[in-house]
Protein backbone atom coordinates (compact mmCIF):
# COMPACT_ATOMS: atom_id res chain seq x y z
CA MET A 1 70.25 70.89 170.49
CA ASN A 2 71.58 67.63 172.45
CA ALA A 3 74.31 67.73 169.96
CA VAL A 4 75.54 71.64 171.30
CA PHE A 5 74.75 70.46 175.32
CA ASP A 6 77.31 68.16 174.50
CA ILE A 7 79.65 70.09 173.07
CA TYR A 8 79.37 73.03 176.06
CA THR A 9 79.24 70.22 178.33
CA ILE A 10 83.07 68.53 177.00
CA ILE A 11 84.09 71.95 177.08
CA PHE A 12 83.42 72.60 180.66
CA LEU A 13 84.67 69.53 181.62
CA ALA A 14 88.48 70.12 179.65
CA LEU A 15 88.12 73.04 181.47
CA ALA A 16 87.29 72.25 185.54
CA VAL A 17 90.46 69.14 184.48
CA PHE A 18 92.54 71.94 183.55
CA ILE A 19 92.22 74.24 186.70
CA PHE A 20 92.38 71.35 188.96
CA ALA A 21 95.89 70.51 187.33
CA LYS A 22 96.97 73.92 187.84
CA LEU A 23 96.10 74.57 191.49
CA ARG A 24 97.65 70.77 192.03
CA SER A 25 100.65 72.36 190.87
CA VAL A 26 100.30 75.33 192.64
CA LEU A 27 99.14 74.08 196.33
CA GLY A 28 101.10 70.90 195.73
CA THR A 29 99.65 67.01 197.52
CA ARG A 30 99.75 66.31 201.28
CA THR A 31 102.39 64.16 202.83
CA GLY A 32 101.00 63.71 205.86
CA HIS A 33 103.68 65.84 207.52
CA GLU A 34 101.60 69.47 207.43
CA ARG A 35 101.69 71.81 210.03
CA PRO A 36 97.13 72.60 210.99
CA PRO A 37 95.89 75.83 209.67
CA PHE A 38 96.43 78.63 211.82
CA ASP A 39 93.56 79.53 213.56
CA PRO A 40 93.51 83.63 213.24
CA TYR A 41 90.71 83.71 216.21
CA SER A 42 92.56 81.53 218.82
CA GLY A 43 94.75 83.55 220.68
CA GLU A 44 98.01 82.00 219.98
CA THR A 45 101.05 82.71 217.81
CA PRO A 46 101.89 80.57 214.54
CA LYS A 47 105.62 78.90 215.21
CA PRO A 48 107.55 79.13 212.31
CA ALA A 49 108.87 75.78 210.74
CA THR A 50 112.18 74.34 211.99
CA LEU A 51 114.41 72.20 210.38
CA PRO A 52 116.88 70.26 212.05
CA ASP A 53 120.47 71.15 211.57
CA LYS A 54 121.51 67.61 210.56
CA PRO A 55 119.91 64.78 209.15
CA ALA A 56 119.18 61.67 212.17
CA ASN A 57 121.77 59.51 212.42
CA ILE A 58 123.93 60.74 209.56
CA PRO A 59 127.56 61.40 210.97
CA ASN A 60 129.35 64.83 209.97
CA ARG A 61 132.14 63.83 207.96
CA ASN A 62 133.88 67.24 208.85
CA GLU A 63 134.30 66.32 212.14
CA GLU A 64 136.20 63.53 214.28
CA ALA A 65 134.23 61.11 216.22
CA ALA A 66 134.50 62.67 219.86
CA PRO A 67 134.66 59.50 222.69
CA VAL A 68 132.42 60.50 225.99
CA ALA A 69 134.61 61.74 228.37
CA ARG A 70 134.16 60.83 231.93
CA ASP A 71 135.24 61.60 235.33
CA ALA A 72 137.13 58.43 236.08
CA GLU A 73 138.69 58.69 232.92
CA ARG A 74 140.08 61.82 232.68
CA GLU A 75 144.22 61.83 233.00
CA VAL A 76 144.74 63.75 236.18
CA PRO A 77 148.27 63.68 237.56
CA ALA A 78 149.58 62.01 239.92
CA ALA A 79 150.28 64.75 242.26
CA GLU A 80 146.62 66.02 242.15
CA ARG A 81 144.84 62.01 241.22
CA TRP A 82 145.15 61.66 245.61
CA ALA A 83 145.48 65.32 247.09
CA GLY A 84 145.11 65.23 250.85
CA ILE A 85 144.39 61.64 250.73
CA ALA A 86 147.41 59.34 249.82
CA THR A 87 151.34 60.58 248.81
CA PRO A 88 152.02 60.24 244.95
CA GLY A 89 154.11 57.48 244.59
CA SER A 90 153.05 55.92 247.78
CA ALA A 91 151.48 51.69 247.80
CA VAL A 92 147.93 53.71 249.36
CA ALA A 93 148.04 55.52 246.18
CA ALA A 94 148.79 52.95 243.97
CA GLY A 95 146.00 50.48 245.64
CA LEU A 96 143.53 53.72 245.35
CA ASP A 97 144.33 53.71 241.50
CA ALA A 98 143.64 49.96 241.41
CA ILE A 99 140.04 50.30 243.31
CA ALA A 100 139.30 53.34 240.65
CA LYS A 101 140.24 51.60 238.06
CA ALA A 102 137.96 48.64 239.02
CA ASP A 103 135.13 50.72 240.10
CA ARG A 104 134.38 53.81 238.00
CA SER A 105 131.75 55.09 240.78
CA PHE A 106 134.69 55.05 243.33
CA ASP A 107 135.40 58.63 244.98
CA ALA A 108 138.08 58.09 247.75
CA ARG A 109 136.95 61.49 250.02
CA GLN A 110 132.95 60.20 249.37
CA PHE A 111 134.47 57.13 251.01
CA LEU A 112 136.25 58.79 253.95
CA ASP A 113 133.64 61.19 254.89
CA GLY A 114 131.11 57.45 254.68
CA ALA A 115 134.12 55.52 257.01
CA LYS A 116 133.91 58.61 259.59
CA ALA A 117 130.40 58.28 260.06
CA ALA A 118 130.77 54.73 260.12
CA TYR A 119 133.39 55.06 262.56
CA GLU A 120 131.20 57.11 265.45
CA MET A 121 127.91 54.70 264.22
CA ILE A 122 129.28 50.90 264.87
CA VAL A 123 131.17 52.37 267.92
CA MET A 124 127.51 53.68 269.28
CA ALA A 125 125.45 50.11 268.16
CA PHE A 126 127.98 48.00 270.18
CA ALA A 127 128.05 50.64 273.44
CA GLU A 128 124.19 50.43 273.15
CA GLY A 129 123.84 46.42 271.97
CA ASP A 130 122.06 47.50 268.71
CA ARG A 131 122.86 44.51 266.98
CA LYS A 132 120.54 45.43 264.16
CA THR A 133 122.92 48.20 263.37
CA LEU A 134 126.01 45.93 263.34
CA ARG A 135 124.85 43.05 261.71
CA ASN A 136 123.63 46.08 258.48
CA MET A 137 127.25 47.75 258.92
CA LEU A 138 129.67 44.84 259.54
CA GLY A 139 131.19 41.53 257.49
CA LYS A 140 129.48 38.10 259.06
CA GLU A 141 132.39 37.09 260.78
CA LEU A 142 133.16 40.44 262.65
CA PHE A 143 129.62 40.51 263.25
CA GLU A 144 129.96 37.06 265.49
CA GLU A 145 132.58 38.39 267.09
CA PHE A 146 130.73 41.65 268.05
CA ALA A 147 127.43 39.39 269.05
CA ALA A 148 129.65 37.77 271.32
CA SER A 149 130.79 39.89 273.22
CA LEU A 150 127.45 41.56 273.37
CA ASN A 151 126.27 38.12 274.85
CA ASP A 152 129.05 37.86 277.26
CA ARG A 153 128.31 41.60 278.38
CA GLU A 154 124.71 40.90 278.84
CA ALA A 155 125.55 37.56 280.68
CA LYS A 156 127.19 38.81 283.11
CA GLY A 157 124.38 41.85 283.89
CA HIS A 158 126.43 44.42 282.62
CA LYS A 159 125.70 47.52 280.73
CA MET A 160 128.38 49.75 278.97
CA GLU A 161 127.77 53.57 278.71
CA SER A 162 129.67 55.63 275.76
CA ARG A 163 129.34 59.39 274.54
CA PHE A 164 131.18 59.98 271.22
CA VAL A 165 133.14 63.35 272.04
CA SER A 166 135.45 63.77 269.02
CA LEU A 167 136.64 62.23 266.17
CA ASP A 168 140.44 63.83 265.60
CA LYS A 169 141.98 61.01 262.69
CA ALA A 170 140.89 59.48 260.14
CA GLU A 171 143.82 58.56 257.85
CA ILE A 172 144.07 55.58 255.16
CA LYS A 173 146.85 53.56 256.19
CA GLN A 174 146.50 50.57 253.65
CA ALA A 175 144.01 50.00 249.91
CA ASP A 176 144.76 47.25 247.72
CA LEU A 177 142.24 44.80 245.40
CA ALA A 178 142.41 41.44 246.02
CA GLY A 179 140.29 40.03 242.87
CA SER A 180 137.37 41.74 243.37
CA GLU A 181 137.61 42.66 246.81
CA ALA A 182 138.62 46.31 247.55
CA ARG A 183 140.15 46.62 250.94
CA ILE A 184 141.41 50.07 252.51
CA THR A 185 142.59 50.07 256.43
CA ILE A 186 141.85 53.73 257.97
CA ASP A 187 143.76 54.90 261.25
CA PHE A 188 140.88 56.21 263.38
CA LEU A 189 141.60 58.48 266.66
CA ALA A 190 138.71 59.50 268.92
CA GLN A 191 137.99 61.04 272.05
CA LEU A 192 135.43 59.01 273.85
CA VAL A 193 133.99 58.74 277.37
CA SER A 194 133.36 55.40 278.47
CA ALA A 195 132.35 53.15 281.12
CA THR A 196 131.12 49.69 281.87
CA ARG A 197 129.00 49.09 284.80
CA ASP A 198 127.86 45.71 286.46
CA LYS A 199 124.38 44.99 287.78
CA ASP A 200 124.46 46.99 290.82
CA GLY A 201 125.99 50.59 288.68
CA ASN A 202 129.46 50.26 289.92
CA VAL A 203 132.03 51.17 287.31
CA VAL A 204 133.88 47.91 286.03
CA GLU A 205 135.61 49.28 283.40
CA GLY A 206 136.54 52.43 282.06
CA SER A 207 135.66 55.83 283.46
CA ALA A 208 132.04 57.50 283.60
CA GLU A 209 133.61 60.83 283.54
CA ALA A 210 137.40 61.02 282.51
CA LEU A 211 137.74 61.12 278.53
CA THR A 212 139.77 58.82 276.52
CA ASP A 213 141.98 58.72 273.73
CA VAL A 214 141.25 55.55 271.29
CA GLU A 215 143.29 54.66 268.18
CA ASP A 216 141.82 52.21 266.01
CA LEU A 217 142.50 50.65 262.70
CA TRP A 218 139.57 49.63 261.08
CA MET A 219 139.60 47.70 257.87
CA PHE A 220 136.21 48.43 255.17
CA ALA A 221 135.72 45.85 252.54
CA ARG A 222 133.53 45.68 249.31
CA ASP A 223 132.91 43.31 246.13
CA VAL A 224 133.69 45.87 243.31
CA LYS A 225 131.55 43.58 241.03
CA SER A 226 128.00 43.93 243.83
CA SER A 227 125.44 46.00 243.00
CA ASP A 228 125.85 46.75 246.18
CA PRO A 229 127.55 50.11 247.03
CA ASN A 230 127.52 49.81 250.67
CA TRP A 231 131.23 48.44 252.54
CA LYS A 232 131.43 46.58 255.23
CA LEU A 233 133.83 46.89 258.12
CA VAL A 234 136.00 43.39 258.28
CA GLU A 235 138.90 43.71 260.66
CA ASN A 236 139.42 46.14 263.60
CA ASN A 237 142.38 46.28 266.08
CA GLU A 238 142.54 48.71 268.84
CA THR A 239 146.84 50.28 268.65
CA ALA A 240 146.19 52.69 271.69
């Protein structure tokens, strides 16, 4: 009886091993990348398996490597590069080219828009004696000149009243790159109503009613190697 039992036991064990081997060959083994089993009661639609278009980090040998294109690196015809800002072939255009080459983020039109806003802010800050605004927008030496003028005005007991009417012109007259310092000079033409009164309220300079045309040549500068993107006024000359 024991012998018979042993024979049948061996036969069943052999069958079990055979069946297990078949199941393994049909179902395969787990690799750790299988999707979880789909639950028909979860209410979700099973997602089809996807394959990457290309093996990761392996370039396609049939394609030539294309360099990354940047706006600042694109070849733009000279006639279009500074259209409406500088004449092709002029000293101003050459200066802007040098600045743009040193500072890839430079945009002449955005700069000009910012300079227009800065002009009005600086004019009004000086009239109001706003040293904080002036310190932020002027170079150190020019700020000291403005501050000295404000100190003199206040010592006399004078007050300045200004109303900004319009900015009629903002034209780039010079542009260059000196080392890492970019410098751009702009010719501004504005209309103001401006008057300075003494401590008794009498007008001692300008007019409280008349419109005045003011033309200024202002130079803005910025270190293109600095992380600070702001330009500052470093020179101002009134021409009219």
